C-alpha atoms as a PDB file:
ATOM      1  CA  UNK A   1      -8.164  -6.592  41.433  1.00  0.00           C
ATOM      2  CA  UNK A   2      -8.534  -8.854  38.417  1.00  0.00           C
ATOM      3  CA  UNK A   3     -10.378  -7.386  35.468  1.00  0.00           C
ATOM      4  CA  UNK A   4     -11.872 -10.023  33.152  1.00  0.00           C
ATOM      5  CA  UNK A   5     -11.839  -7.546  30.252  1.00  0.00           C
ATOM      6  CA  UNK A   6      -8.094  -7.008  30.686  1.00  0.00           C
ATOM      7  CA  UNK A   7      -7.462 -10.775  30.930  1.00  0.00           C
ATOM      8  CA  UNK A   8      -9.361 -11.536  27.749  1.00  0.00           C
ATOM      9  CA  UNK A   9      -7.244 -12.540  24.767  1.00  0.00           C
ATOM     10  CA  UNK A  10      -7.904 -10.647  21.554  1.00  0.00           C
ATOM     11  CA  UNK A  11      -7.207 -11.553  17.918  1.00  0.00           C
ATOM     12  CA  UNK A  12      -3.609 -12.694  17.256  1.00  0.00           C
ATOM     13  CA  UNK A  13      -2.764 -11.943  20.896  1.00  0.00           C
ATOM     14  CA  UNK A  14      -2.643  -8.183  20.193  1.00  0.00           C
ATOM     15  CA  UNK A  15      -4.412  -5.403  22.115  1.00  0.00           C
ATOM     16  CA  UNK A  16      -8.101  -4.917  21.376  1.00  0.00           C
ATOM     17  CA  UNK A  17      -8.674  -3.187  18.043  1.00  0.00           C
ATOM     18  CA  UNK A  18      -5.152  -3.804  16.676  1.00  0.00           C
ATOM     19  CA  UNK A  19      -6.219  -5.771  13.603  1.00  0.00           C
ATOM     20  CA  UNK A  20      -8.904  -3.193  12.827  1.00  0.00           C
ATOM     21  CA  UNK A  21      -6.370  -0.381  13.328  1.00  0.00           C
ATOM     22  CA  UNK A  22      -4.004  -2.099  10.882  1.00  0.00           C
ATOM     23  CA  UNK A  23      -6.794  -2.357   8.313  1.00  0.00           C
ATOM     24  CA  UNK A  24      -7.747   1.295   8.754  1.00  0.00           C
ATOM     25  CA  UNK A  25      -4.163   2.501   8.385  1.00  0.00           C
ATOM     26  CA  UNK A  26      -3.516   0.422   5.255  1.00  0.00           C
ATOM     27  CA  UNK A  27      -6.817   1.287   3.550  1.00  0.00           C
ATOM     28  CA  UNK A  28      -6.307   4.983   4.321  1.00  0.00           C
ATOM     29  CA  UNK A  29      -2.699   4.685   3.101  1.00  0.00           C
ATOM     30  CA  UNK A  30      -3.796   3.105  -0.193  1.00  0.00           C
ATOM     31  CA  UNK A  31      -6.450   5.792  -0.678  1.00  0.00           C
ATOM     32  CA  UNK A  32      -3.963   8.576   0.017  1.00  0.00           C
ATOM     33  CA  UNK A  33      -1.437   7.019  -2.376  1.00  0.00           C
ATOM     34  CA  UNK A  34      -4.051   7.084  -5.149  1.00  0.00           C
ATOM     35  CA  UNK A  35      -5.016  10.678  -4.323  1.00  0.00           C
ATOM     36  CA  UNK A  36      -1.403  11.879  -4.253  1.00  0.00           C
ATOM     37  CA  UNK A  37      -0.211   9.816  -7.245  1.00  0.00           C
ATOM     38  CA  UNK A  38       1.947  12.206  -9.345  1.00  0.00           C
ATOM     39  CA  UNK A  39       0.891  10.976 -12.792  1.00  0.00           C
ATOM     40  CA  UNK A  40      -0.469  13.250 -15.496  1.00  0.00           C
ATOM     41  CA  UNK A  41      -3.615  11.144 -15.811  1.00  0.00           C
ATOM     42  CA  UNK A  42      -6.272  11.252 -13.090  1.00  0.00           C
ATOM     43  CA  UNK A  43      -6.887   7.878 -11.427  1.00  0.00           C
ATOM     44  CA  UNK A  44     -10.317   7.201  -9.941  1.00  0.00           C
ATOM     45  CA  UNK A  45     -10.474   6.074  -6.333  1.00  0.00           C
ATOM     46  CA  UNK A  46     -12.029   2.591  -6.661  1.00  0.00           C
ATOM     47  CA  UNK A  47     -15.552   2.238  -5.335  1.00  0.00           C
ATOM     48  CA  UNK A  48     -14.561  -0.464  -2.831  1.00  0.00           C
ATOM     49  CA  UNK A  49     -12.075   1.925  -1.190  1.00  0.00           C
ATOM     50  CA  UNK A  50     -14.645   4.683  -0.831  1.00  0.00           C
ATOM     51  CA  UNK A  51     -17.199   2.372   0.773  1.00  0.00           C
ATOM     52  CA  UNK A  52     -14.609   0.747   3.029  1.00  0.00           C
ATOM     53  CA  UNK A  53     -13.231   4.115   4.147  1.00  0.00           C
ATOM     54  CA  UNK A  54     -16.651   5.271   5.353  1.00  0.00           C
ATOM     55  CA  UNK A  55     -17.556   1.932   6.927  1.00  0.00           C
ATOM     56  CA  UNK A  56     -14.194   1.360   8.621  1.00  0.00           C
ATOM     57  CA  UNK A  57     -13.667   4.880   9.919  1.00  0.00           C
ATOM     58  CA  UNK A  58     -17.198   5.068  11.276  1.00  0.00           C
ATOM     59  CA  UNK A  59     -16.805   1.706  12.981  1.00  0.00           C
ATOM     60  CA  UNK A  60     -13.262   2.257  14.255  1.00  0.00           C
ATOM     61  CA  UNK A  61     -13.859   5.724  15.680  1.00  0.00           C
ATOM     62  CA  UNK A  62     -17.119   4.611  17.300  1.00  0.00           C
ATOM     63  CA  UNK A  63     -15.469   1.537  18.857  1.00  0.00           C
ATOM     64  CA  UNK A  64     -13.303   3.521  21.273  1.00  0.00           C
ATOM     65  CA  UNK A  65     -14.608   2.874  24.755  1.00  0.00           C
ATOM     66  CA  UNK A  66     -16.622  -0.124  23.563  1.00  0.00           C
ATOM     67  CA  UNK A  67     -14.298  -2.721  22.030  1.00  0.00           C
ATOM     68  CA  UNK A  68     -11.108  -0.630  21.709  1.00  0.00           C
ATOM     69  CA  UNK A  69      -9.087   0.909  24.524  1.00  0.00           C
ATOM     70  CA  UNK A  70      -9.450   4.630  25.111  1.00  0.00           C
ATOM     71  CA  UNK A  71      -6.791   7.112  26.164  1.00  0.00           C
ATOM     72  CA  UNK A  72      -6.062   6.634  29.864  1.00  0.00           C
ATOM     73  CA  UNK A  73      -7.565   3.141  30.133  1.00  0.00           C
ATOM     74  CA  UNK A  74      -5.606   0.301  31.736  1.00  0.00           C
ATOM     75  CA  UNK A  75      -5.519  -1.915  28.672  1.00  0.00           C
ATOM     76  CA  UNK A  76      -3.009  -1.192  25.869  1.00  0.00           C
ATOM     77  CA  UNK A  77      -4.149   0.870  22.886  1.00  0.00           C
ATOM     78  CA  UNK A  78      -4.306  -0.736  19.397  1.00  0.00           C
ATOM     79  CA  UNK A  79      -0.907  -1.842  18.059  1.00  0.00           C
ATOM     80  CA  UNK A  80       0.621  -0.740  21.396  1.00  0.00           C
ATOM     81  CA  UNK A  81       0.675   2.842  20.091  1.00  0.00           C
ATOM     82  CA  UNK A  82      -0.076   5.799  22.377  1.00  0.00           C
ATOM     83  CA  UNK A  83      -3.795   6.431  22.768  1.00  0.00           C
ATOM     84  CA  UNK A  84      -5.302   8.368  19.882  1.00  0.00           C
ATOM     85  CA  UNK A  85      -2.321   7.781  17.544  1.00  0.00           C
ATOM     86  CA  UNK A  86      -4.260   5.859  14.900  1.00  0.00           C
ATOM     87  CA  UNK A  87      -7.014   8.473  14.728  1.00  0.00           C
ATOM     88  CA  UNK A  88      -4.444  11.275  14.493  1.00  0.00           C
ATOM     89  CA  UNK A  89      -2.535   9.462  11.732  1.00  0.00           C
ATOM     90  CA  UNK A  90      -5.740   8.948   9.749  1.00  0.00           C
ATOM     91  CA  UNK A  91      -6.714  12.622   9.968  1.00  0.00           C
ATOM     92  CA  UNK A  92      -3.219  13.918   9.164  1.00  0.00           C
ATOM     93  CA  UNK A  93      -2.638  11.512   6.271  1.00  0.00           C
ATOM     94  CA  UNK A  94      -5.965  12.174   4.560  1.00  0.00           C
ATOM     95  CA  UNK A  95      -5.637  15.913   5.134  1.00  0.00           C
ATOM     96  CA  UNK A  96      -2.087  15.997   3.777  1.00  0.00           C
ATOM     97  CA  UNK A  97      -2.920  13.967   0.658  1.00  0.00           C
ATOM     98  CA  UNK A  98      -6.018  15.973  -0.237  1.00  0.00           C
ATOM     99  CA  UNK A  99      -4.445  19.329   0.637  1.00  0.00           C
ATOM    100  CA  UNK A 100      -1.269  18.659  -1.335  1.00  0.00           C
ATOM    101  CA  UNK A 101      -3.156  17.527  -4.440  1.00  0.00           C
ATOM    102  CA  UNK A 102      -5.526  20.505  -4.266  1.00  0.00           C
ATOM    103  CA  UNK A 103      -2.570  22.889  -3.983  1.00  0.00           C
ATOM    104  CA  UNK A 104      -0.344  21.322  -6.642  1.00  0.00           C
ATOM    105  CA  UNK A 105      -2.787  19.893  -9.214  1.00  0.00           C
ATOM    106  CA  UNK A 106      -6.347  21.134  -8.564  1.00  0.00           C
ATOM    107  CA  UNK A 107      -7.475  20.227 -12.092  1.00  0.00           C
ATOM    108  CA  UNK A 108      -6.277  16.625 -11.696  1.00  0.00           C
ATOM    109  CA  UNK A 109      -7.975  16.435  -8.298  1.00  0.00           C
ATOM    110  CA  UNK A 110     -11.264  17.599  -9.834  1.00  0.00           C
ATOM    111  CA  UNK A 111     -10.958  15.007 -12.607  1.00  0.00           C
ATOM    112  CA  UNK A 112     -10.186  12.352 -10.008  1.00  0.00           C
ATOM    113  CA  UNK A 113     -13.242  13.362  -7.987  1.00  0.00           C
ATOM    114  CA  UNK A 114     -15.484  13.180 -11.057  1.00  0.00           C
ATOM    115  CA  UNK A 115     -14.113   9.778 -12.090  1.00  0.00           C
ATOM    116  CA  UNK A 116     -14.542   8.427  -8.548  1.00  0.00           C
ATOM    117  CA  UNK A 117     -18.173   9.555  -8.364  1.00  0.00           C
ATOM    118  CA  UNK A 118     -18.797   7.957 -11.757  1.00  0.00           C
ATOM    119  CA  UNK A 119     -17.247   4.681 -10.583  1.00  0.00           C
ATOM    120  CA  UNK A 120     -19.712   4.568  -7.687  1.00  0.00           C
ATOM    121  CA  UNK A 121     -22.625   4.764 -10.100  1.00  0.00           C
ATOM    122  CA  UNK A 122     -21.115   2.190 -12.448  1.00  0.00           C
ATOM    123  CA  UNK A 123     -20.517  -0.447  -9.743  1.00  0.00           C
ATOM    124  CA  UNK A 124     -23.832  -1.016  -7.912  1.00  0.00           C
ATOM    125  CA  UNK A 125     -22.817  -4.527  -6.823  1.00  0.00           C
ATOM    126  CA  UNK A 126     -19.852  -3.363  -4.727  1.00  0.00           C
ATOM    127  CA  UNK A 127     -21.842  -1.684  -1.901  1.00  0.00           C
ATOM    128  CA  UNK A 128     -24.187  -4.677  -1.787  1.00  0.00           C
ATOM    129  CA  UNK A 129     -21.238  -7.034  -1.274  1.00  0.00           C
ATOM    130  CA  UNK A 130     -19.536  -4.848   1.318  1.00  0.00           C
ATOM    131  CA  UNK A 131     -22.668  -4.117   3.340  1.00  0.00           C
ATOM    132  CA  UNK A 132     -23.717  -7.763   3.031  1.00  0.00           C
ATOM    133  CA  UNK A 133     -20.347  -8.837   4.416  1.00  0.00           C
ATOM    134  CA  UNK A 134     -20.606  -6.391   7.304  1.00  0.00           C
ATOM    135  CA  UNK A 135     -24.097  -7.511   8.347  1.00  0.00           C
ATOM    136  CA  UNK A 136     -23.114 -11.168   7.990  1.00  0.00           C
ATOM    137  CA  UNK A 137     -20.359 -10.451  10.496  1.00  0.00           C
ATOM    138  CA  UNK A 138     -22.822  -8.734  12.833  1.00  0.00           C
ATOM    139  CA  UNK A 139     -25.109 -11.764  12.700  1.00  0.00           C
ATOM    140  CA  UNK A 140     -22.250 -14.161  13.420  1.00  0.00           C
ATOM    141  CA  UNK A 141     -21.222 -12.062  16.409  1.00  0.00           C
ATOM    142  CA  UNK A 142     -24.817 -12.279  17.695  1.00  0.00           C
ATOM    143  CA  UNK A 143     -24.607 -16.077  17.477  1.00  0.00           C
ATOM    144  CA  UNK A 144     -21.087 -16.472  18.910  1.00  0.00           C
ATOM    145  CA  UNK A 145     -21.419 -13.740  21.523  1.00  0.00           C
ATOM    146  CA  UNK A 146     -19.108 -10.897  22.509  1.00  0.00           C
ATOM    147  CA  UNK A 147     -17.904 -12.073  25.930  1.00  0.00           C
ATOM    148  CA  UNK A 148     -15.575 -14.974  25.100  1.00  0.00           C
ATOM    149  CA  UNK A 149     -15.450 -15.881  21.401  1.00  0.00           C
ATOM    150  CA  UNK A 150     -13.242 -18.897  20.603  1.00  0.00           C
ATOM    151  CA  UNK A 151      -9.574 -17.932  20.214  1.00  0.00           C
ATOM    152  CA  UNK A 152      -9.171 -20.002  17.060  1.00  0.00           C
ATOM    153  CA  UNK A 153     -12.130 -18.206  15.472  1.00  0.00           C
ATOM    154  CA  UNK A 154     -10.717 -14.773  16.296  1.00  0.00           C
ATOM    155  CA  UNK A 155      -7.333 -15.638  14.795  1.00  0.00           C
ATOM    156  CA  UNK A 156      -8.832 -17.315  11.720  1.00  0.00           C
ATOM    157  CA  UNK A 157     -11.029 -14.314  10.976  1.00  0.00           C
ATOM    158  CA  UNK A 158      -8.105 -11.936  11.501  1.00  0.00           C
ATOM    159  CA  UNK A 159      -5.802 -13.834   9.114  1.00  0.00           C
ATOM    160  CA  UNK A 160      -8.475 -14.156   6.416  1.00  0.00           C
ATOM    161  CA  UNK A 161      -9.163 -10.415   6.587  1.00  0.00           C
ATOM    162  CA  UNK A 162      -5.427  -9.645   6.406  1.00  0.00           C
ATOM    163  CA  UNK A 163      -5.088 -11.855   3.315  1.00  0.00           C
ATOM    164  CA  UNK A 164      -8.024  -9.987   1.754  1.00  0.00           C
ATOM    165  CA  UNK A 165      -6.264  -6.727   2.630  1.00  0.00           C
ATOM    166  CA  UNK A 166      -3.163  -7.879   0.736  1.00  0.00           C
ATOM    167  CA  UNK A 167      -5.390  -8.677  -2.252  1.00  0.00           C
ATOM    168  CA  UNK A 168      -6.845  -5.173  -2.193  1.00  0.00           C
ATOM    169  CA  UNK A 169      -3.321  -3.757  -2.050  1.00  0.00           C
ATOM    170  CA  UNK A 170      -2.517  -5.672  -5.242  1.00  0.00           C
ATOM    171  CA  UNK A 171      -5.707  -4.333  -6.822  1.00  0.00           C
ATOM    172  CA  UNK A 172      -4.648  -0.787  -5.915  1.00  0.00           C
ATOM    173  CA  UNK A 173      -1.298  -1.290  -7.645  1.00  0.00           C
ATOM    174  CA  UNK A 174      -3.151  -2.478 -10.737  1.00  0.00           C
ATOM    175  CA  UNK A 175      -5.233   0.713 -10.689  1.00  0.00           C
ATOM    176  CA  UNK A 176      -2.152   2.911 -10.263  1.00  0.00           C
ATOM    177  CA  UNK A 177       0.362   1.251 -12.560  1.00  0.00           C
ATOM    178  CA  UNK A 178      -1.290  -1.096 -15.063  1.00  0.00           C
ATOM    179  CA  UNK A 179      -4.640   0.545 -15.844  1.00  0.00           C
ATOM    180  CA  UNK A 180      -3.190   3.990 -16.782  1.00  0.00           C
ATOM    181  CA  UNK A 181      -0.859   2.298 -19.278  1.00  0.00           C
ATOM    182  CA  UNK A 182      -3.712   0.652 -21.196  1.00  0.00           C
ATOM    183  CA  UNK A 183      -5.130   2.235 -24.333  1.00  0.00           C
ATOM    184  CA  UNK A 184      -8.578   1.501 -22.936  1.00  0.00           C
ATOM    185  CA  UNK A 185      -8.152   2.051 -19.152  1.00  0.00           C
ATOM    186  CA  UNK A 186     -10.426  -0.704 -17.917  1.00  0.00           C
ATOM    187  CA  UNK A 187     -10.028  -4.052 -16.225  1.00  0.00           C
ATOM    188  CA  UNK A 188     -12.813  -6.331 -14.892  1.00  0.00           C
ATOM    189  CA  UNK A 189     -11.863  -5.856 -11.231  1.00  0.00           C
ATOM    190  CA  UNK A 190     -15.000  -4.610  -9.422  1.00  0.00           C
ATOM    191  CA  UNK A 191     -16.437  -8.038  -8.531  1.00  0.00           C
ATOM    192  CA  UNK A 192     -13.094  -9.325  -7.229  1.00  0.00           C
ATOM    193  CA  UNK A 193     -12.525  -6.114  -5.276  1.00  0.00           C
ATOM    194  CA  UNK A 194     -16.065  -6.208  -3.922  1.00  0.00           C
ATOM    195  CA  UNK A 195     -15.614  -9.767  -2.646  1.00  0.00           C
ATOM    196  CA  UNK A 196     -12.314  -8.910  -0.934  1.00  0.00           C
ATOM    197  CA  UNK A 197     -13.911  -5.782   0.503  1.00  0.00           C
ATOM    198  CA  UNK A 198     -16.798  -7.895   1.781  1.00  0.00           C
ATOM    199  CA  UNK A 199     -14.342 -10.152   3.638  1.00  0.00           C
ATOM    200  CA  UNK A 200     -12.838  -7.130   5.392  1.00  0.00           C
ATOM    201  CA  UNK A 201     -16.277  -5.662   6.093  1.00  0.00           C
ATOM    202  CA  UNK A 202     -17.295  -9.037   7.557  1.00  0.00           C
ATOM    203  CA  UNK A 203     -14.417  -8.811  10.024  1.00  0.00           C
ATOM    204  CA  UNK A 204     -15.428  -5.322  11.113  1.00  0.00           C
ATOM    205  CA  UNK A 205     -19.044  -6.438  11.492  1.00  0.00           C
ATOM    206  CA  UNK A 206     -18.023  -9.486  13.511  1.00  0.00           C
ATOM    207  CA  UNK A 207     -15.877  -7.321  15.798  1.00  0.00           C
ATOM    208  CA  UNK A 208     -18.613  -4.734  16.324  1.00  0.00           C
END
Protein backbone atom coordinates (compact mmCIF):
# COMPACT_ATOMS: atom_id res chain seq x y z
CA UNK A 1 0.00 0.00 0.00
CA UNK A 2 1.38 3.39 -0.96
CA UNK A 3 1.69 5.91 1.84
CA UNK A 4 1.74 9.52 0.63
CA UNK A 5 3.58 10.60 3.79
CA UNK A 6 6.37 8.10 3.08
CA UNK A 7 6.58 9.20 -0.58
CA UNK A 8 6.88 12.87 0.30
CA UNK A 9 10.31 14.41 -0.24
CA UNK A 10 11.75 16.32 2.69
CA UNK A 11 14.41 19.04 2.86
CA UNK A 12 17.66 18.16 1.02
CA UNK A 13 16.23 14.70 0.28
CA UNK A 14 16.90 13.55 3.87
CA UNK A 15 14.45 11.86 6.26
CA UNK A 16 11.93 14.11 7.98
CA UNK A 17 13.50 16.14 10.78
CA UNK A 18 17.12 15.59 9.68
CA UNK A 19 17.99 19.26 9.19
CA UNK A 20 16.39 20.12 12.53
CA UNK A 21 18.25 17.23 14.19
CA UNK A 22 21.53 18.55 12.76
CA UNK A 23 20.78 22.01 14.15
CA UNK A 24 19.91 20.62 17.57
CA UNK A 25 23.07 18.52 17.77
CA UNK A 26 25.34 21.39 16.72
CA UNK A 27 23.72 24.00 18.99
CA UNK A 28 23.83 21.58 21.93
CA UNK A 29 27.45 20.74 21.04
CA UNK A 30 28.44 24.43 20.99
CA UNK A 31 26.69 25.01 24.32
CA UNK A 32 28.41 22.02 25.91
CA UNK A 33 31.79 23.15 24.56
CA UNK A 34 31.32 26.53 26.26
CA UNK A 35 30.20 24.88 29.51
CA UNK A 36 33.12 22.44 29.55
CA UNK A 37 35.76 24.92 28.32
CA UNK A 38 38.84 24.34 30.54
CA UNK A 39 39.97 27.97 30.85
CA UNK A 40 40.55 29.70 34.16
CA UNK A 41 38.11 32.47 33.25
CA UNK A 42 34.37 31.78 33.22
CA UNK A 43 32.75 32.31 29.80
CA UNK A 44 29.08 33.28 29.68
CA UNK A 45 26.79 31.17 27.54
CA UNK A 46 25.58 33.71 24.94
CA UNK A 47 21.94 34.70 25.19
CA UNK A 48 21.15 33.49 21.66
CA UNK A 49 22.29 29.96 22.58
CA UNK A 50 20.12 29.85 25.68
CA UNK A 51 17.02 30.97 23.80
CA UNK A 52 17.71 28.65 20.87
CA UNK A 53 18.31 25.67 23.16
CA UNK A 54 14.89 26.05 24.78
CA UNK A 55 13.09 26.78 21.51
CA UNK A 56 14.78 24.03 19.50
CA UNK A 57 14.59 21.29 22.11
CA UNK A 58 10.95 22.04 22.84
CA UNK A 59 10.12 22.01 19.14
CA UNK A 60 12.25 18.99 18.22
CA UNK A 61 11.08 16.76 21.06
CA UNK A 62 7.45 17.73 20.45
CA UNK A 63 7.73 17.04 16.71
CA UNK A 64 8.14 13.27 17.11
CA UNK A 65 5.01 11.65 15.76
CA UNK A 66 3.96 14.86 14.01
CA UNK A 67 6.63 15.90 11.50
CA UNK A 68 9.48 13.59 12.60
CA UNK A 69 9.52 9.80 12.50
CA UNK A 70 9.04 7.96 15.78
CA UNK A 71 10.67 4.74 16.93
CA UNK A 72 9.06 1.83 15.09
CA UNK A 73 7.54 3.90 12.28
CA UNK A 74 8.06 2.91 8.64
CA UNK A 75 9.84 6.08 7.60
CA UNK A 76 13.55 6.55 8.45
CA UNK A 77 14.47 8.47 11.60
CA UNK A 78 16.33 11.82 11.33
CA UNK A 79 19.82 11.52 9.80
CA UNK A 80 19.13 7.79 9.28
CA UNK A 81 20.09 7.20 12.93
CA UNK A 82 18.26 4.63 15.07
CA UNK A 83 15.06 6.00 16.56
CA UNK A 84 15.62 8.09 19.67
CA UNK A 85 19.38 8.52 19.06
CA UNK A 86 19.29 12.31 18.72
CA UNK A 87 17.28 12.75 21.92
CA UNK A 88 19.61 10.39 23.80
CA UNK A 89 22.70 12.22 22.51
CA UNK A 90 21.26 15.57 23.60
CA UNK A 91 20.50 14.34 27.12
CA UNK A 92 23.84 12.57 27.56
CA UNK A 93 25.92 15.44 26.16
CA UNK A 94 24.27 18.15 28.25
CA UNK A 95 24.35 15.96 31.35
CA UNK A 96 28.02 15.09 30.86
CA UNK A 97 29.10 18.70 30.27
CA UNK A 98 27.21 20.11 33.25
CA UNK A 99 28.10 17.21 35.55
CA UNK A 100 31.80 17.31 34.69
CA UNK A 101 32.05 21.08 35.20
CA UNK A 102 30.16 20.90 38.51
CA UNK A 103 32.48 18.14 39.73
CA UNK A 104 35.78 19.63 38.55
CA UNK A 105 35.26 23.41 38.78
CA UNK A 106 32.06 24.24 40.70
CA UNK A 107 33.19 27.83 41.34
CA UNK A 108 33.77 28.45 37.62
CA UNK A 109 30.39 26.90 36.83
CA UNK A 110 28.69 29.24 39.30
CA UNK A 111 30.46 32.25 37.78
CA UNK A 112 29.44 31.06 34.32
CA UNK A 113 25.83 30.71 35.44
CA UNK A 114 25.82 34.23 36.90
CA UNK A 115 27.39 35.73 33.78
CA UNK A 116 24.90 33.91 31.53
CA UNK A 117 21.91 35.17 33.52
CA UNK A 118 23.34 38.69 33.35
CA UNK A 119 23.76 38.42 29.57
CA UNK A 120 20.06 37.60 29.23
CA UNK A 121 19.14 40.81 31.01
CA UNK A 122 21.63 42.87 29.02
CA UNK A 123 20.41 41.68 25.59
CA UNK A 124 16.64 42.29 25.42
CA UNK A 125 16.67 42.46 21.61
CA UNK A 126 17.88 38.87 21.15
CA UNK A 127 14.68 37.09 22.31
CA UNK A 128 12.59 39.50 20.23
CA UNK A 129 14.57 38.60 17.11
CA UNK A 130 14.51 34.86 17.76
CA UNK A 131 10.82 34.68 18.65
CA UNK A 132 10.01 37.01 15.76
CA UNK A 133 11.87 34.69 13.39
CA UNK A 134 10.06 31.64 14.74
CA UNK A 135 6.58 33.16 14.37
CA UNK A 136 7.43 34.48 10.91
CA UNK A 137 8.21 30.89 9.97
CA UNK A 138 4.92 29.70 11.46
CA UNK A 139 3.02 32.28 9.41
CA UNK A 140 4.81 31.29 6.20
CA UNK A 141 3.96 27.64 6.84
CA UNK A 142 0.30 28.65 7.25
CA UNK A 143 0.44 30.32 3.83
CA UNK A 144 2.42 27.60 2.01
CA UNK A 145 0.72 24.67 3.73
CA UNK A 146 2.13 21.53 5.33
CA UNK A 147 1.04 18.87 2.82
CA UNK A 148 3.28 19.52 -0.19
CA UNK A 149 5.53 22.58 0.15
CA UNK A 150 7.65 23.32 -2.94
CA UNK A 151 10.88 21.30 -2.98
CA UNK A 152 12.98 24.31 -3.94
CA UNK A 153 11.60 26.25 -0.97
CA UNK A 154 12.40 23.44 1.46
CA UNK A 155 15.98 23.17 0.21
CA UNK A 156 16.51 26.94 0.11
CA UNK A 157 15.30 27.35 3.69
CA UNK A 158 17.45 24.43 4.84
CA UNK A 159 20.63 25.81 3.25
CA UNK A 160 20.05 29.33 4.58
CA UNK A 161 19.55 27.96 8.10
CA UNK A 162 22.70 25.83 7.80
CA UNK A 163 24.71 28.89 6.71
CA UNK A 164 23.33 30.77 9.73
CA UNK A 165 24.37 27.82 11.89
CA UNK A 166 27.94 28.10 10.59
CA UNK A 167 27.87 31.81 11.46
CA UNK A 168 26.81 31.03 15.02
CA UNK A 169 29.63 28.49 15.26
CA UNK A 170 32.08 31.26 14.33
CA UNK A 171 30.49 33.51 16.95
CA UNK A 172 30.96 30.77 19.56
CA UNK A 173 34.66 30.53 18.72
CA UNK A 174 34.93 34.29 19.17
CA UNK A 175 33.36 33.97 22.63
CA UNK A 176 35.69 31.12 23.61
CA UNK A 177 39.00 32.23 22.14
CA UNK A 178 39.04 35.94 21.30
CA UNK A 179 36.86 37.55 23.98
CA UNK A 180 38.73 36.02 26.98
CA UNK A 181 42.01 37.39 25.60
CA UNK A 182 40.77 40.99 25.54
CA UNK A 183 41.54 43.37 28.39
CA UNK A 184 37.90 44.44 28.25
CA UNK A 185 36.04 41.18 27.40
CA UNK A 186 33.36 42.62 25.15
CA UNK A 187 32.55 42.59 21.47
CA UNK A 188 29.42 44.02 19.77
CA UNK A 189 28.05 40.61 18.74
CA UNK A 190 24.51 40.37 20.17
CA UNK A 191 22.68 41.92 17.19
CA UNK A 192 24.56 39.77 14.66
CA UNK A 193 24.00 36.66 16.77
CA UNK A 194 20.34 37.53 17.25
CA UNK A 195 19.81 37.87 13.49
CA UNK A 196 21.50 34.53 12.78
CA UNK A 197 19.49 32.95 15.59
CA UNK A 198 16.32 34.40 14.09
CA UNK A 199 17.12 32.72 10.75
CA UNK A 200 17.42 29.35 12.49
CA UNK A 201 14.30 29.99 14.56
CA UNK A 202 12.47 30.87 11.33
CA UNK A 203 13.35 27.46 9.92
CA UNK A 204 12.04 25.68 13.01
CA UNK A 205 8.85 27.75 12.90
CA UNK A 206 8.36 27.03 9.20
CA UNK A 207 8.84 23.30 9.81
CA UNK A 208 6.43 23.22 12.75
